[in-house]
Amino acid sequence: MTGRVTTHGIVGDSLALAREAARTDADVIVLAGVHFMAETAKLLNPEKTVLIPDLEAGCSLAASITAACARLKPLKGACEASNTT
């Protein structure tokens, strides 16, 4: 392996981690979290390589929303299926 390896042990939500990643001069960022955290880091750091150790790491809350529910003005009844317990 060539280059420098820096570890920071930063803890935070996906936006805080992505912002912190933008401050580093590292070319590669490894984010140990759910996939949308790595996606957020990549959005704020398009020129950097963002890696996630587990591609299957997900969030049940994020997985439960439908496209219709995500719209600002969802259609009536569009979110009922995802809100059932």
Protein backbone atom coordinates (compact mmCIF):
# COMPACT_ATOMS: atom_id res chain seq x y z
CA MET A 1 0.00 0.00 0.00
CA THR A 2 1.28 3.44 -0.84
CA GLY A 3 0.25 6.78 0.53
CA ARG A 4 -0.82 7.92 3.95
CA VAL A 5 -3.56 6.38 6.08
CA THR A 6 -5.31 8.62 8.56
CA THR A 7 -7.96 7.54 11.02
CA HIS A 8 -10.20 10.00 12.75
CA GLY A 9 -12.84 8.04 14.65
CA ILE A 10 -15.41 10.74 13.95
CA VAL A 11 -18.95 10.05 15.16
CA GLY A 12 -21.97 11.86 13.77
CA ASP A 13 -25.00 11.73 11.52
CA SER A 14 -24.63 11.31 7.77
CA LEU A 15 -24.49 15.04 7.04
CA ALA A 16 -21.93 15.75 9.78
CA LEU A 17 -19.72 12.90 8.56
CA ALA A 18 -20.00 14.05 4.94
CA ARG A 19 -19.05 17.58 5.94
CA GLU A 20 -16.10 16.30 7.94
CA ALA A 21 -15.04 14.19 4.95
CA ALA A 22 -15.06 17.34 2.81
CA ARG A 23 -12.52 18.91 5.18
CA THR A 24 -9.96 16.14 4.83
CA ASP A 25 -7.27 16.10 2.18
CA ALA A 26 -7.57 12.31 1.87
CA ASP A 27 -8.41 10.94 -1.56
CA VAL A 28 -10.22 7.90 -0.14
CA ILE A 29 -12.88 7.99 2.58
CA VAL A 30 -14.07 4.82 4.30
CA LEU A 31 -17.43 5.25 5.97
CA ALA A 32 -18.48 2.49 8.36
CA GLY A 33 -22.22 3.02 8.40
CA VAL A 34 -25.34 2.50 6.35
CA HIS A 35 -25.17 2.99 2.59
CA PHE A 36 -26.97 6.34 2.52
CA MET A 37 -24.26 7.78 4.76
CA ALA A 38 -21.66 6.89 2.14
CA GLU A 39 -23.95 8.29 -0.58
CA THR A 40 -24.20 11.60 1.29
CA ALA A 41 -20.42 11.74 1.67
CA LYS A 42 -20.02 11.12 -2.08
CA LEU A 43 -22.52 13.86 -2.96
CA LEU A 44 -20.50 16.39 -0.97
CA ASN A 45 -17.15 14.97 -2.13
CA PRO A 46 -17.59 14.00 -5.80
CA GLU A 47 -13.84 14.06 -6.49
CA LYS A 48 -13.04 11.58 -3.69
CA THR A 49 -13.42 7.81 -3.55
CA VAL A 50 -15.92 6.82 -0.87
CA LEU A 51 -15.91 3.21 0.33
CA ILE A 52 -18.33 1.37 2.59
CA PRO A 53 -17.29 -1.98 4.10
CA ASP A 54 -20.77 -3.56 3.94
CA LEU A 55 -22.88 -2.85 0.84
CA GLU A 56 -25.85 -4.53 2.54
CA ALA A 57 -25.78 -2.15 5.52
CA GLY A 58 -29.13 -0.45 5.35
CA CYS A 59 -31.63 1.49 7.36
CA SER A 60 -35.09 0.03 7.92
CA LEU A 61 -36.62 3.51 8.13
CA ALA A 62 -35.08 4.62 4.84
CA ALA A 63 -36.08 1.32 3.20
CA SER A 64 -39.70 1.69 4.26
CA ILE A 65 -40.46 4.93 2.41
CA THR A 66 -41.97 4.87 -1.06
CA ALA A 67 -41.35 7.36 -3.86
CA ALA A 68 -44.88 8.71 -3.41
CA CYS A 69 -44.27 9.32 0.30
CA ALA A 70 -41.05 11.17 -0.44
CA ARG A 71 -42.80 13.82 -2.55
CA LEU A 72 -43.59 17.11 -0.86
CA LYS A 73 -47.31 16.68 -1.56
CA PRO A 74 -48.00 12.93 -1.56
CA LEU A 75 -51.14 11.62 -3.18
CA LYS A 76 -53.93 10.81 -0.76
CA GLY A 77 -53.39 7.29 0.57
CA ALA A 78 -49.94 6.90 -1.01
CA CYS A 79 -48.21 6.43 2.33
CA GLU A 80 -50.75 4.17 3.99
CA ALA A 81 -49.02 0.94 2.97
CA SER A 82 -45.65 2.00 4.34
CA ASN A 83 -47.12 3.30 7.60
CA THR A 84 -48.85 0.10 8.66
CA THR A 85 -47.59 -1.72 11.72
